[in-house]
């Protein structure tokens, strides 16, 4: 079983739930991107992924997270792609 969560705190909560009920056991994957904002067109293609990354670069320029898009710190496409 694969569990997908969007918040780091949910990883801990789910791990504790699995301790209580082993039938829930499985890998826990955290998706860090917030898909409520930004472009999603063709998000599963190389072009769509790059368009989203460029949007993130534009949004983050000048902030404390400037450059984080290309650091590899968050790469949900790679995370999700590891299950294909």
N, C-alpha and C. Protein backbone atom coordinates (compact mmCIF):
# COMPACT_ATOMS: atom_id res chain seq x y z
N UNK A 1 0.85 -1.16 0.00
CA UNK A 1 0.00 0.00 0.00
C UNK A 1 0.90 1.23 0.00
N UNK A 2 0.51 2.23 -0.76
CA UNK A 2 1.23 3.49 -0.80
C UNK A 2 0.31 4.58 -0.25
N UNK A 3 0.82 5.36 0.69
CA UNK A 3 0.08 6.48 1.27
C UNK A 3 0.72 7.76 0.77
N UNK A 4 -0.08 8.70 0.30
CA UNK A 4 0.42 9.98 -0.19
C UNK A 4 -0.09 11.07 0.73
N UNK A 5 0.83 11.87 1.24
CA UNK A 5 0.49 13.00 2.11
C UNK A 5 1.12 14.26 1.55
N UNK A 6 0.63 15.41 2.00
CA UNK A 6 1.13 16.68 1.50
C UNK A 6 1.81 17.52 2.59
N UNK A 7 1.75 17.09 3.82
CA UNK A 7 2.36 17.83 4.93
C UNK A 7 3.29 16.92 5.72
N UNK A 8 4.44 17.45 6.12
CA UNK A 8 5.40 16.65 6.88
C UNK A 8 4.79 16.09 8.16
N UNK A 9 3.95 16.87 8.81
CA UNK A 9 3.32 16.41 10.05
C UNK A 9 2.45 15.18 9.82
N UNK A 10 1.86 15.09 8.64
CA UNK A 10 1.00 13.95 8.34
C UNK A 10 1.78 12.64 8.22
N UNK A 11 3.06 12.73 7.89
CA UNK A 11 3.90 11.52 7.83
C UNK A 11 3.95 10.89 9.21
N UNK A 12 4.22 11.70 10.23
CA UNK A 12 4.30 11.20 11.61
C UNK A 12 2.96 10.63 12.08
N UNK A 13 1.89 11.33 11.77
CA UNK A 13 0.55 10.87 12.17
C UNK A 13 0.24 9.52 11.54
N UNK A 14 0.55 9.39 10.26
CA UNK A 14 0.27 8.14 9.56
C UNK A 14 1.14 7.00 10.08
N UNK A 15 2.40 7.29 10.40
CA UNK A 15 3.28 6.27 10.97
C UNK A 15 2.72 5.76 12.30
N UNK A 16 2.20 6.67 13.11
CA UNK A 16 1.61 6.27 14.39
C UNK A 16 0.33 5.45 14.18
N UNK A 17 -0.45 5.80 13.17
CA UNK A 17 -1.65 5.02 12.86
C UNK A 17 -1.27 3.61 12.43
N UNK A 18 -0.21 3.50 11.65
CA UNK A 18 0.25 2.18 11.19
C UNK A 18 0.71 1.34 12.37
N UNK A 19 1.35 1.98 13.36
CA UNK A 19 1.76 1.26 14.57
C UNK A 19 0.55 0.67 15.29
N UNK A 20 -0.58 1.37 15.24
CA UNK A 20 -1.80 0.90 15.90
C UNK A 20 -2.54 -0.15 15.08
N UNK A 21 -2.41 -0.06 13.77
CA UNK A 21 -3.12 -0.99 12.88
C UNK A 21 -2.19 -1.38 11.73
N UNK A 22 -1.53 -2.52 11.88
CA UNK A 22 -0.53 -2.95 10.90
C UNK A 22 -1.10 -3.25 9.52
N UNK A 23 -2.43 -3.38 9.41
CA UNK A 23 -3.02 -3.61 8.09
C UNK A 23 -2.88 -2.36 7.21
N UNK A 24 -2.55 -1.23 7.82
CA UNK A 24 -2.35 0.01 7.07
C UNK A 24 -0.91 0.15 6.56
N UNK A 25 -0.06 -0.79 6.90
CA UNK A 25 1.36 -0.70 6.58
C UNK A 25 1.59 -0.45 5.10
N UNK A 26 2.54 0.41 4.82
CA UNK A 26 2.91 0.71 3.45
C UNK A 26 3.86 1.90 3.41
N UNK A 27 4.32 2.19 2.24
CA UNK A 27 5.24 3.30 2.06
C UNK A 27 4.48 4.62 2.13
N UNK A 28 5.09 5.60 2.78
CA UNK A 28 4.49 6.93 2.92
C UNK A 28 5.29 7.89 2.04
N UNK A 29 4.61 8.53 1.12
CA UNK A 29 5.23 9.47 0.19
C UNK A 29 4.72 10.87 0.50
N UNK A 30 5.64 11.82 0.66
CA UNK A 30 5.22 13.20 0.87
C UNK A 30 5.42 13.99 -0.43
N UNK A 31 4.34 14.54 -0.94
CA UNK A 31 4.37 15.44 -2.08
C UNK A 31 4.45 16.85 -1.50
N UNK A 32 5.51 17.57 -1.84
CA UNK A 32 5.76 18.85 -1.20
C UNK A 32 5.18 20.04 -1.95
N UNK A 33 4.91 19.88 -3.22
CA UNK A 33 4.38 20.99 -4.01
C UNK A 33 2.92 21.25 -3.63
N UNK A 34 2.49 22.50 -3.78
CA UNK A 34 1.10 22.87 -3.53
C UNK A 34 0.40 23.04 -4.88
N UNK A 35 -0.35 22.03 -5.28
CA UNK A 35 -0.98 22.05 -6.59
C UNK A 35 -2.25 22.90 -6.63
N UNK A 36 -2.54 23.62 -5.55
CA UNK A 36 -3.69 24.53 -5.55
C UNK A 36 -3.38 25.82 -6.30
N UNK A 37 -2.09 26.08 -6.52
CA UNK A 37 -1.68 27.29 -7.24
C UNK A 37 -0.69 26.93 -8.33
N UNK A 38 -0.66 27.74 -9.37
CA UNK A 38 0.31 27.55 -10.45
C UNK A 38 -0.23 26.70 -11.58
N UNK A 39 0.53 26.64 -12.67
CA UNK A 39 0.09 25.90 -13.85
C UNK A 39 0.12 24.39 -13.65
N UNK A 40 -0.89 23.73 -14.17
CA UNK A 40 -0.98 22.27 -14.08
C UNK A 40 -1.11 21.61 -15.45
N UNK A 41 -1.20 22.40 -16.50
CA UNK A 41 -1.37 21.86 -17.85
C UNK A 41 -0.21 20.92 -18.19
N UNK A 42 -0.55 19.71 -18.58
CA UNK A 42 0.45 18.70 -18.98
C UNK A 42 1.51 18.47 -17.92
N UNK A 43 1.12 18.49 -16.66
CA UNK A 43 2.05 18.36 -15.54
C UNK A 43 2.83 17.03 -15.55
N UNK A 44 2.34 16.05 -16.31
CA UNK A 44 3.00 14.75 -16.36
C UNK A 44 3.91 14.60 -17.56
N UNK A 45 4.12 15.69 -18.29
CA UNK A 45 5.05 15.66 -19.42
C UNK A 45 6.26 16.52 -19.06
N UNK A 46 7.35 16.31 -19.77
CA UNK A 46 8.56 17.10 -19.52
C UNK A 46 8.29 18.58 -19.69
N UNK A 47 7.49 18.93 -20.70
CA UNK A 47 7.18 20.33 -20.96
C UNK A 47 6.34 20.93 -19.83
N UNK A 48 5.35 20.18 -19.35
CA UNK A 48 4.50 20.66 -18.27
C UNK A 48 5.27 20.81 -16.97
N UNK A 49 6.15 19.87 -16.70
CA UNK A 49 6.98 19.94 -15.49
C UNK A 49 7.89 21.16 -15.57
N UNK A 50 8.49 21.38 -16.71
CA UNK A 50 9.38 22.54 -16.87
C UNK A 50 8.60 23.85 -16.77
N UNK A 51 7.39 23.90 -17.33
CA UNK A 51 6.57 25.12 -17.24
C UNK A 51 6.26 25.43 -15.78
N UNK A 52 5.94 24.40 -15.00
CA UNK A 52 5.65 24.62 -13.58
C UNK A 52 6.90 25.08 -12.84
N UNK A 53 8.04 24.47 -13.14
CA UNK A 53 9.29 24.89 -12.50
C UNK A 53 9.62 26.34 -12.85
N UNK A 54 9.39 26.73 -14.09
CA UNK A 54 9.67 28.12 -14.47
C UNK A 54 8.74 29.07 -13.73
N UNK A 55 7.48 28.70 -13.58
CA UNK A 55 6.55 29.51 -12.80
C UNK A 55 7.05 29.66 -11.36
N UNK A 56 7.52 28.54 -10.77
CA UNK A 56 8.03 28.60 -9.40
C UNK A 56 9.27 29.49 -9.31
N UNK A 57 10.15 29.38 -10.31
CA UNK A 57 11.33 30.25 -10.32
C UNK A 57 10.90 31.72 -10.31
N UNK A 58 9.93 32.05 -11.16
CA UNK A 58 9.46 33.43 -11.26
C UNK A 58 8.84 33.92 -9.96
N UNK A 59 8.07 33.08 -9.31
CA UNK A 59 7.41 33.45 -8.06
C UNK A 59 8.42 33.62 -6.92
N UNK A 60 9.45 32.81 -6.91
CA UNK A 60 10.38 32.80 -5.78
C UNK A 60 11.55 33.76 -5.92
N UNK A 61 11.71 34.37 -7.09
CA UNK A 61 12.85 35.27 -7.30
C UNK A 61 12.86 36.38 -6.25
N UNK A 62 14.01 36.59 -5.66
CA UNK A 62 14.17 37.62 -4.65
C UNK A 62 13.75 37.21 -3.25
N UNK A 63 13.20 36.01 -3.10
CA UNK A 63 12.78 35.55 -1.77
C UNK A 63 13.89 34.69 -1.15
N UNK A 64 13.66 34.27 0.08
CA UNK A 64 14.61 33.37 0.75
C UNK A 64 14.73 32.03 0.04
N UNK A 65 13.75 31.71 -0.79
CA UNK A 65 13.74 30.42 -1.50
C UNK A 65 14.20 30.54 -2.95
N UNK A 66 14.70 31.70 -3.31
CA UNK A 66 15.22 31.92 -4.67
C UNK A 66 16.30 30.87 -4.96
N UNK A 67 16.16 30.17 -6.06
CA UNK A 67 17.13 29.14 -6.44
C UNK A 67 16.79 27.74 -5.95
N UNK A 68 15.79 27.63 -5.08
CA UNK A 68 15.46 26.32 -4.52
C UNK A 68 14.84 25.38 -5.55
N UNK A 69 14.25 25.92 -6.60
CA UNK A 69 13.62 25.08 -7.63
C UNK A 69 14.66 24.19 -8.29
N UNK A 70 15.86 24.73 -8.49
CA UNK A 70 16.90 23.98 -9.20
C UNK A 70 17.87 23.27 -8.26
N UNK A 71 17.65 23.37 -6.95
CA UNK A 71 18.55 22.74 -5.99
C UNK A 71 18.32 21.23 -5.87
N UNK A 72 17.14 20.78 -6.33
CA UNK A 72 16.80 19.36 -6.18
C UNK A 72 16.20 19.03 -4.82
N UNK A 73 16.09 20.04 -3.97
CA UNK A 73 15.53 19.84 -2.63
C UNK A 73 14.10 19.31 -2.70
N UNK A 74 13.32 19.86 -3.61
CA UNK A 74 11.95 19.41 -3.83
C UNK A 74 11.83 19.01 -5.29
N UNK A 75 11.57 17.75 -5.53
CA UNK A 75 11.40 17.27 -6.90
C UNK A 75 10.30 16.21 -6.90
N UNK A 76 9.05 16.68 -6.85
CA UNK A 76 7.92 15.76 -6.76
C UNK A 76 7.79 14.90 -8.01
N UNK A 77 8.18 15.41 -9.18
CA UNK A 77 8.13 14.58 -10.39
C UNK A 77 9.05 13.38 -10.23
N UNK A 78 10.20 13.58 -9.65
CA UNK A 78 11.13 12.48 -9.40
C UNK A 78 10.56 11.53 -8.34
N UNK A 79 9.98 12.10 -7.30
CA UNK A 79 9.37 11.29 -6.23
C UNK A 79 8.28 10.39 -6.81
N UNK A 80 7.37 10.97 -7.57
CA UNK A 80 6.26 10.21 -8.14
C UNK A 80 6.78 9.24 -9.21
N UNK A 81 7.75 9.67 -9.99
CA UNK A 81 8.29 8.83 -11.06
C UNK A 81 9.00 7.59 -10.56
N UNK A 82 9.43 7.59 -9.32
CA UNK A 82 10.13 6.42 -8.77
C UNK A 82 9.19 5.24 -8.56
N UNK A 83 7.88 5.45 -8.74
CA UNK A 83 6.92 4.37 -8.55
C UNK A 83 6.40 3.80 -9.87
N UNK A 84 6.94 4.25 -10.97
CA UNK A 84 6.52 3.73 -12.29
C UNK A 84 7.21 2.43 -12.60
